[in-house]
Amino acid sequence: MYEHIAKNRAKTVFIIIGFIIFITVVGFAVGYYLDWRYGISNNYSILLMTFALILAVIMSFSSYYYSDRIVLSLTGARPISREENPKVYYMVEGLSIAAGIPMPRIYVIGDDGMNAFATGRNPQNGVVVFTRGLLDNLNDEELKGVISHELSHIKNYDILLGTIVVILVGMIAIISNIMLRSLIFGGGARRRSSKGSGGGILSLILIIIGILLILLSPIIFLIIYAHCFSFTILY
């Protein structure tokens, strides 16, 4: 178990560093293109590279420390109190004690589908989320099985890796979309010089990269989601 936790932490660090490097390189590439387009030597490239580095660090920090809030906000989940659903509350409490982790916060999504997932950066900040359809349709033994499954993801730090990957991949898709629109629909006349063909090739390369990132982001999301993110589809 400890080896699994260590691997998840190492993968998380690797993904965050890779994300920061990737966004910084994209910022430099776009800046280099703008240098060519407007004839300004090395100004945009350095400026955008610095901005991209700062932005990537902020986004990585946010995805780590606020991953649970981001996911809960995106899914529209709301907290469950002990008074509202004592059965689920005491199940989660008892199974958490048995697993040797702090009791996670419990949230519910008003959806008829039968799904559950866990999020948060560590067991101290863990959250388990159930859909209303799951709570209404499972018997006690089935519900205990789902809860135990999600608690195991919290205990093994699967939620840290999965949540950060999902958020960062989503951010890459958004940035790629913005970059692509800027390159295709951006205003301003191009430089007509002997370097025009080289700049045109760079522009085409950036557009292709932007399109590929937008197209591949959902695929990357699904692949990592299936292997890392603690999402349970029961039916």
C-alpha atoms as a PDB file:
ATOM      1  CA  MET A   1       0.000   0.000   0.000  1.00  0.00           C
ATOM      2  CA  TYR A   2       2.760   2.449   0.919  1.00  0.00           C
ATOM      3  CA  GLU A   3       4.505   1.744  -2.378  1.00  0.00           C
ATOM      4  CA  HIS A   4       1.261   2.503  -4.221  1.00  0.00           C
ATOM      5  CA  ILE A   5       0.865   5.788  -2.343  1.00  0.00           C
ATOM      6  CA  ALA A   6       4.478   6.763  -3.093  1.00  0.00           C
ATOM      7  CA  LYS A   7       3.952   6.024  -6.794  1.00  0.00           C
ATOM      8  CA  ASN A   8       0.812   8.157  -6.903  1.00  0.00           C
ATOM      9  CA  ARG A   9       2.611  11.061  -5.240  1.00  0.00           C
ATOM     10  CA  ALA A  10       5.548  10.745  -7.650  1.00  0.00           C
ATOM     11  CA  LYS A  11       3.191  10.634 -10.636  1.00  0.00           C
ATOM     12  CA  THR A  12       1.405  13.730  -9.357  1.00  0.00           C
ATOM     13  CA  VAL A  13       4.674  15.676  -9.070  1.00  0.00           C
ATOM     14  CA  PHE A  14       5.734  14.485 -12.531  1.00  0.00           C
ATOM     15  CA  ILE A  15       2.418  15.552 -14.088  1.00  0.00           C
ATOM     16  CA  ILE A  16       2.516  18.991 -12.451  1.00  0.00           C
ATOM     17  CA  ILE A  17       6.114  19.618 -13.574  1.00  0.00           C
ATOM     18  CA  GLY A  18       5.265  18.401 -17.073  1.00  0.00           C
ATOM     19  CA  PHE A  19       2.240  20.699 -17.186  1.00  0.00           C
ATOM     20  CA  ILE A  20       4.319  23.719 -16.129  1.00  0.00           C
ATOM     21  CA  ILE A  21       6.979  22.975 -18.763  1.00  0.00           C
ATOM     22  CA  PHE A  22       4.356  22.415 -21.463  1.00  0.00           C
ATOM     23  CA  ILE A  23       2.484  25.669 -20.799  1.00  0.00           C
ATOM     24  CA  THR A  24       5.769  27.609 -20.644  1.00  0.00           C
ATOM     25  CA  VAL A  25       6.880  26.200 -24.013  1.00  0.00           C
ATOM     26  CA  VAL A  26       3.488  27.025 -25.545  1.00  0.00           C
ATOM     27  CA  GLY A  27       3.780  30.582 -24.223  1.00  0.00           C
ATOM     28  CA  PHE A  28       7.224  30.964 -25.769  1.00  0.00           C
ATOM     29  CA  ALA A  29       6.040  29.511 -29.111  1.00  0.00           C
ATOM     30  CA  VAL A  30       3.079  31.881 -29.312  1.00  0.00           C
ATOM     31  CA  GLY A  31       5.328  34.803 -28.338  1.00  0.00           C
ATOM     32  CA  TYR A  32       7.840  33.815 -31.004  1.00  0.00           C
ATOM     33  CA  TYR A  33       5.042  33.773 -33.565  1.00  0.00           C
ATOM     34  CA  LEU A  34       3.912  37.249 -32.479  1.00  0.00           C
ATOM     35  CA  ASP A  35       7.514  38.490 -32.705  1.00  0.00           C
ATOM     36  CA  TRP A  36       7.568  37.364 -36.322  1.00  0.00           C
ATOM     37  CA  ARG A  37       4.116  38.682 -37.093  1.00  0.00           C
ATOM     38  CA  TYR A  38       4.613  42.184 -35.740  1.00  0.00           C
ATOM     39  CA  GLY A  39       8.367  42.480 -36.276  1.00  0.00           C
ATOM     40  CA  ILE A  40       9.293  42.902 -32.616  1.00  0.00           C
ATOM     41  CA  SER A  41      12.479  41.065 -31.748  1.00  0.00           C
ATOM     42  CA  ASN A  42      12.320  38.840 -28.633  1.00  0.00           C
ATOM     43  CA  ASN A  43       9.780  40.976 -26.770  1.00  0.00           C
ATOM     44  CA  TYR A  44       6.612  38.916 -27.018  1.00  0.00           C
ATOM     45  CA  SER A  45       8.416  35.585 -26.696  1.00  0.00           C
ATOM     46  CA  ILE A  46      10.069  36.473 -23.373  1.00  0.00           C
ATOM     47  CA  LEU A  47       6.970  38.258 -22.070  1.00  0.00           C
ATOM     48  CA  LEU A  48       4.565  35.436 -22.904  1.00  0.00           C
ATOM     49  CA  MET A  49       6.976  32.754 -21.703  1.00  0.00           C
ATOM     50  CA  THR A  50       7.213  34.494 -18.321  1.00  0.00           C
ATOM     51  CA  PHE A  51       3.452  34.999 -18.175  1.00  0.00           C
ATOM     52  CA  ALA A  52       2.832  31.355 -19.133  1.00  0.00           C
ATOM     53  CA  LEU A  53       5.248  30.138 -16.446  1.00  0.00           C
ATOM     54  CA  ILE A  54       3.523  32.202 -13.752  1.00  0.00           C
ATOM     55  CA  LEU A  55       0.085  31.123 -14.996  1.00  0.00           C
ATOM     56  CA  ALA A  56       1.084  27.443 -15.039  1.00  0.00           C
ATOM     57  CA  VAL A  57       2.420  27.625 -11.475  1.00  0.00           C
ATOM     58  CA  ILE A  58      -0.782  29.320 -10.272  1.00  0.00           C
ATOM     59  CA  MET A  59      -2.985  26.773 -12.061  1.00  0.00           C
ATOM     60  CA  SER A  60      -0.955  23.864 -10.675  1.00  0.00           C
ATOM     61  CA  PHE A  61      -1.139  25.311  -7.166  1.00  0.00           C
ATOM     62  CA  SER A  62      -4.893  25.814  -7.514  1.00  0.00           C
ATOM     63  CA  SER A  63      -5.485  22.323  -8.885  1.00  0.00           C
ATOM     64  CA  TYR A  64      -3.592  20.853  -5.921  1.00  0.00           C
ATOM     65  CA  TYR A  65      -5.037  22.874  -3.058  1.00  0.00           C
ATOM     66  CA  TYR A  66      -8.528  23.526  -4.403  1.00  0.00           C
ATOM     67  CA  SER A  67      -9.174  20.391  -6.465  1.00  0.00           C
ATOM     68  CA  ASP A  68     -12.093  19.314  -4.276  1.00  0.00           C
ATOM     69  CA  ARG A  69     -13.773  22.736  -4.496  1.00  0.00           C
ATOM     70  CA  ILE A  70     -13.318  22.835  -8.268  1.00  0.00           C
ATOM     71  CA  VAL A  71     -14.813  19.369  -8.776  1.00  0.00           C
ATOM     72  CA  LEU A  72     -17.710  19.979  -6.383  1.00  0.00           C
ATOM     73  CA  SER A  73     -18.490  23.274  -8.077  1.00  0.00           C
ATOM     74  CA  LEU A  74     -18.402  21.764 -11.571  1.00  0.00           C
ATOM     75  CA  THR A  75     -20.678  18.879 -10.590  1.00  0.00           C
ATOM     76  CA  GLY A  76     -23.118  20.991  -8.572  1.00  0.00           C
ATOM     77  CA  ALA A  77     -22.755  18.727  -5.530  1.00  0.00           C
ATOM     78  CA  ARG A  78     -24.114  19.802  -2.155  1.00  0.00           C
ATOM     79  CA  PRO A  79     -23.204  18.543   1.337  1.00  0.00           C
ATOM     80  CA  ILE A  80     -25.204  15.894   3.200  1.00  0.00           C
ATOM     81  CA  SER A  81     -25.713  16.426   6.922  1.00  0.00           C
ATOM     82  CA  ARG A  82     -26.144  13.747   9.579  1.00  0.00           C
ATOM     83  CA  GLU A  83     -29.732  14.855  10.100  1.00  0.00           C
ATOM     84  CA  GLU A  84     -30.585  14.670   6.397  1.00  0.00           C
ATOM     85  CA  ASN A  85     -29.341  11.124   5.799  1.00  0.00           C
ATOM     86  CA  PRO A  86     -28.170   9.432   9.011  1.00  0.00           C
ATOM     87  CA  LYS A  87     -27.860   6.001   7.361  1.00  0.00           C
ATOM     88  CA  VAL A  88     -25.285   7.148   4.795  1.00  0.00           C
ATOM     89  CA  TYR A  89     -23.532   9.351   7.347  1.00  0.00           C
ATOM     90  CA  TYR A  90     -23.011   6.523   9.848  1.00  0.00           C
ATOM     91  CA  MET A  91     -22.002   4.091   7.093  1.00  0.00           C
ATOM     92  CA  VAL A  92     -19.266   6.449   5.906  1.00  0.00           C
ATOM     93  CA  GLU A  93     -18.202   7.159   9.483  1.00  0.00           C
ATOM     94  CA  GLY A  94     -17.963   3.482  10.445  1.00  0.00           C
ATOM     95  CA  LEU A  95     -16.159   2.396   7.279  1.00  0.00           C
ATOM     96  CA  SER A  96     -13.725   5.309   7.611  1.00  0.00           C
ATOM     97  CA  ILE A  97     -12.813   4.184  11.118  1.00  0.00           C
ATOM     98  CA  ALA A  98     -12.315   0.635   9.827  1.00  0.00           C
ATOM     99  CA  ALA A  99     -10.085   1.944   7.008  1.00  0.00           C
ATOM    100  CA  GLY A 100      -8.044   4.034   9.443  1.00  0.00           C
ATOM    101  CA  ILE A 101      -8.661   7.402   7.765  1.00  0.00           C
ATOM    102  CA  PRO A 102     -10.491  10.575   8.836  1.00  0.00           C
ATOM    103  CA  MET A 103     -14.147  10.640   7.871  1.00  0.00           C
ATOM    104  CA  PRO A 104     -14.477  12.407   4.502  1.00  0.00           C
ATOM    105  CA  ARG A 105     -17.111  15.016   3.805  1.00  0.00           C
ATOM    106  CA  ILE A 106     -20.229  13.646   2.115  1.00  0.00           C
ATOM    107  CA  TYR A 107     -21.873  15.312  -0.892  1.00  0.00           C
ATOM    108  CA  VAL A 108     -24.775  14.443  -3.159  1.00  0.00           C
ATOM    109  CA  ILE A 109     -25.557  15.307  -6.783  1.00  0.00           C
ATOM    110  CA  GLY A 110     -29.216  15.592  -7.750  1.00  0.00           C
ATOM    111  CA  ASP A 111     -28.961  13.164 -10.654  1.00  0.00           C
ATOM    112  CA  ASP A 112     -30.876   9.954 -11.314  1.00  0.00           C
ATOM    113  CA  GLY A 113     -27.788   8.151 -12.614  1.00  0.00           C
ATOM    114  CA  MET A 114     -26.047   5.671 -10.317  1.00  0.00           C
ATOM    115  CA  ASN A 115     -22.548   7.011  -9.812  1.00  0.00           C
ATOM    116  CA  ALA A 116     -20.134   7.814  -7.001  1.00  0.00           C
ATOM    117  CA  PHE A 117     -16.659   9.307  -6.837  1.00  0.00           C
ATOM    118  CA  ALA A 118     -14.092  10.618  -4.395  1.00  0.00           C
ATOM    119  CA  THR A 119     -12.013  13.773  -4.579  1.00  0.00           C
ATOM    120  CA  GLY A 120      -9.579  15.803  -2.466  1.00  0.00           C
ATOM    121  CA  ARG A 121      -5.811  15.993  -2.179  1.00  0.00           C
ATOM    122  CA  ASN A 122      -5.350  13.681   0.830  1.00  0.00           C
ATOM    123  CA  PRO A 123      -7.331  11.692   3.435  1.00  0.00           C
ATOM    124  CA  GLN A 124      -7.553  14.773   5.652  1.00  0.00           C
ATOM    125  CA  ASN A 125      -9.348  16.646   2.865  1.00  0.00           C
ATOM    126  CA  GLY A 126     -11.243  13.753   1.305  1.00  0.00           C
ATOM    127  CA  VAL A 127     -14.743  14.017  -0.120  1.00  0.00           C
ATOM    128  CA  VAL A 128     -17.101  11.277  -1.288  1.00  0.00           C
ATOM    129  CA  VAL A 129     -19.897  12.194  -3.666  1.00  0.00           C
ATOM    130  CA  PHE A 130     -22.991  10.153  -4.485  1.00  0.00           C
ATOM    131  CA  THR A 131     -25.735  10.737  -7.000  1.00  0.00           C
ATOM    132  CA  ARG A 132     -29.295  10.773  -5.732  1.00  0.00           C
ATOM    133  CA  GLY A 133     -30.088   7.825  -7.994  1.00  0.00           C
ATOM    134  CA  LEU A 134     -27.417   5.700  -6.332  1.00  0.00           C
ATOM    135  CA  LEU A 135     -28.603   6.467  -2.805  1.00  0.00           C
ATOM    136  CA  ASP A 136     -32.222   5.763  -3.731  1.00  0.00           C
ATOM    137  CA  ASN A 137     -31.644   2.450  -5.521  1.00  0.00           C
ATOM    138  CA  LEU A 138     -28.905   0.535  -3.682  1.00  0.00           C
ATOM    139  CA  ASN A 139     -29.498  -1.642  -0.650  1.00  0.00           C
ATOM    140  CA  ASP A 140     -27.300  -1.340   2.427  1.00  0.00           C
ATOM    141  CA  GLU A 141     -24.770  -3.998   1.412  1.00  0.00           C
ATOM    142  CA  GLU A 142     -24.335  -2.554  -2.079  1.00  0.00           C
ATOM    143  CA  LEU A 143     -23.955   0.941  -0.675  1.00  0.00           C
ATOM    144  CA  LYS A 144     -21.318  -0.241   1.802  1.00  0.00           C
ATOM    145  CA  GLY A 145     -19.397  -1.779  -1.082  1.00  0.00           C
ATOM    146  CA  VAL A 146     -19.426   1.492  -3.016  1.00  0.00           C
ATOM    147  CA  ILE A 147     -18.382   3.500   0.045  1.00  0.00           C
ATOM    148  CA  SER A 148     -15.538   1.082   0.820  1.00  0.00           C
ATOM    149  CA  HIS A 149     -14.340   1.343  -2.778  1.00  0.00           C
ATOM    150  CA  GLU A 150     -14.235   5.143  -2.661  1.00  0.00           C
ATOM    151  CA  LEU A 151     -12.553   5.168   0.751  1.00  0.00           C
ATOM    152  CA  SER A 152      -9.815   2.905  -0.623  1.00  0.00           C
ATOM    153  CA  HIS A 153      -9.118   5.513  -3.320  1.00  0.00           C
ATOM    154  CA  ILE A 154      -8.873   8.208  -0.653  1.00  0.00           C
ATOM    155  CA  LYS A 155      -6.549   6.090   1.490  1.00  0.00           C
ATOM    156  CA  ASN A 156      -4.259   5.265  -1.458  1.00  0.00           C
ATOM    157  CA  TYR A 157      -4.108   8.874  -2.740  1.00  0.00           C
ATOM    158  CA  ASP A 158      -5.695   7.866  -6.052  1.00  0.00           C
ATOM    159  CA  ILE A 159      -7.961  10.892  -5.726  1.00  0.00           C
ATOM    160  CA  LEU A 160      -5.005  13.305  -5.684  1.00  0.00           C
ATOM    161  CA  LEU A 161      -3.571  11.996  -8.935  1.00  0.00           C
ATOM    162  CA  GLY A 162      -6.892  11.564 -10.717  1.00  0.00           C
ATOM    163  CA  THR A 163      -8.381  14.921  -9.789  1.00  0.00           C
ATOM    164  CA  ILE A 164      -5.273  16.927 -10.691  1.00  0.00           C
ATOM    165  CA  VAL A 165      -4.960  15.153 -14.040  1.00  0.00           C
ATOM    166  CA  VAL A 166      -8.586  15.840 -14.928  1.00  0.00           C
ATOM    167  CA  ILE A 167      -8.296  19.536 -14.009  1.00  0.00           C
ATOM    168  CA  LEU A 168      -4.973  20.100 -15.798  1.00  0.00           C
ATOM    169  CA  VAL A 169      -6.098  18.299 -18.960  1.00  0.00           C
ATOM    170  CA  GLY A 170      -9.190  20.493 -18.968  1.00  0.00           C
ATOM    171  CA  MET A 171      -7.018  23.597 -18.610  1.00  0.00           C
ATOM    172  CA  ILE A 172      -4.833  22.483 -21.528  1.00  0.00           C
ATOM    173  CA  ALA A 173      -7.944  22.119 -23.693  1.00  0.00           C
ATOM    174  CA  ILE A 174      -9.119  25.626 -22.760  1.00  0.00           C
ATOM    175  CA  ILE A 175      -5.703  27.194 -23.398  1.00  0.00           C
ATOM    176  CA  SER A 176      -5.411  25.353 -26.716  1.00  0.00           C
ATOM    177  CA  ASN A 177      -8.818  26.637 -27.763  1.00  0.00           C
ATOM    178  CA  ILE A 178      -7.850  30.225 -26.938  1.00  0.00           C
ATOM    179  CA  MET A 179      -4.510  29.873 -28.738  1.00  0.00           C
ATOM    180  CA  LEU A 180      -6.152  28.385 -31.825  1.00  0.00           C
ATOM    181  CA  ARG A 181      -8.775  31.119 -32.052  1.00  0.00           C
ATOM    182  CA  SER A 182      -6.106  33.802 -31.645  1.00  0.00           C
ATOM    183  CA  LEU A 183      -3.981  32.338 -34.424  1.00  0.00           C
ATOM    184  CA  ILE A 184      -6.849  31.821 -36.870  1.00  0.00           C
ATOM    185  CA  PHE A 185      -8.931  34.913 -36.210  1.00  0.00           C
ATOM    186  CA  GLY A 186      -6.304  37.310 -34.808  1.00  0.00           C
ATOM    187  CA  GLY A 187      -6.055  40.663 -36.501  1.00  0.00           C
ATOM    188  CA  GLY A 188      -3.033  42.502 -37.780  1.00  0.00           C
ATOM    189  CA  ALA A 189      -1.068  42.357 -40.977  1.00  0.00           C
ATOM    190  CA  ARG A 190       1.743  39.895 -41.347  1.00  0.00           C
ATOM    191  CA  ARG A 191       5.232  40.965 -42.099  1.00  0.00           C
ATOM    192  CA  ARG A 192       6.083  40.718 -45.758  1.00  0.00           C
ATOM    193  CA  SER A 193       9.727  39.872 -45.677  1.00  0.00           C
ATOM    194  CA  SER A 194      12.116  37.139 -46.603  1.00  0.00           C
ATOM    195  CA  LYS A 195      11.180  35.423 -43.346  1.00  0.00           C
ATOM    196  CA  GLY A 196       7.528  35.312 -44.289  1.00  0.00           C
ATOM    197  CA  SER A 197       7.567  31.704 -45.399  1.00  0.00           C
ATOM    198  CA  GLY A 198       9.242  30.612 -42.173  1.00  0.00           C
ATOM    199  CA  GLY A 199       6.693  32.508 -40.117  1.00  0.00           C
ATOM    200  CA  GLY A 200       3.893  31.014 -42.176  1.00  0.00           C
ATOM    201  CA  ILE A 201       5.191  27.531 -41.441  1.00  0.00           C
ATOM    202  CA  LEU A 202       5.393  28.367 -37.722  1.00  0.00           C
ATOM    203  CA  SER A 203       1.834  29.676 -37.802  1.00  0.00           C
ATOM    204  CA  LEU A 204       0.644  26.480 -39.486  1.00  0.00           C
ATOM    205  CA  ILE A 205       2.506  24.317 -36.961  1.00  0.00           C
ATOM    206  CA  LEU A 206       0.953  26.184 -34.022  1.00  0.00           C
ATOM    207  CA  ILE A 207      -2.520  25.863 -35.533  1.00  0.00           C
ATOM    208  CA  ILE A 208      -2.034  22.115 -36.045  1.00  0.00           C
ATOM    209  CA  ILE A 209      -0.774  21.725 -32.467  1.00  0.00           C
ATOM    210  CA  GLY A 210      -3.781  23.653 -31.172  1.00  0.00           C
ATOM    211  CA  ILE A 211      -6.215  21.477 -33.128  1.00  0.00           C
ATOM    212  CA  LEU A 212      -4.504  18.260 -32.009  1.00  0.00           C
ATOM    213  CA  LEU A 213      -4.562  19.301 -28.353  1.00  0.00           C
ATOM    214  CA  ILE A 214      -8.253  20.133 -28.516  1.00  0.00           C
ATOM    215  CA  LEU A 215      -9.029  16.812 -30.224  1.00  0.00           C
ATOM    216  CA  LEU A 216      -6.758  14.717 -28.000  1.00  0.00           C
ATOM    217  CA  SER A 217      -7.705  16.290 -24.649  1.00  0.00           C
ATOM    218  CA  PRO A 218     -10.949  14.268 -24.293  1.00  0.00           C
ATOM    219  CA  ILE A 219      -9.077  11.077 -25.229  1.00  0.00           C
ATOM    220  CA  ILE A 220      -6.322  11.794 -22.694  1.00  0.00           C
ATOM    221  CA  PHE A 221      -9.026  12.617 -20.155  1.00  0.00           C
ATOM    222  CA  LEU A 222     -10.833   9.309 -20.711  1.00  0.00           C
ATOM    223  CA  ILE A 223      -7.668   7.200 -20.628  1.00  0.00           C
ATOM    224  CA  ILE A 224      -6.381   8.678 -17.370  1.00  0.00           C
ATOM    225  CA  TYR A 225      -9.903   8.920 -15.965  1.00  0.00           C
ATOM    226  CA  ALA A 226     -10.375   5.180 -16.432  1.00  0.00           C
ATOM    227  CA  HIS A 227      -7.025   4.277 -14.839  1.00  0.00           C
ATOM    228  CA  CYS A 228      -6.612   6.874 -12.107  1.00  0.00           C
ATOM    229  CA  PHE A 229      -9.781   8.766 -11.247  1.00  0.00           C
ATOM    230  CA  SER A 230     -11.979   7.178  -8.636  1.00  0.00           C
ATOM    231  CA  PHE A 231     -15.268   7.065 -10.474  1.00  0.00           C
ATOM    232  CA  THR A 232     -17.556   4.107 -10.048  1.00  0.00           C
ATOM    233  CA  ILE A 233     -20.146   3.276 -12.703  1.00  0.00           C
ATOM    234  CA  LEU A 234     -22.399   0.646 -11.248  1.00  0.00           C
ATOM    235  CA  TYR A 235     -24.968   0.106 -13.960  1.00  0.00           C
END
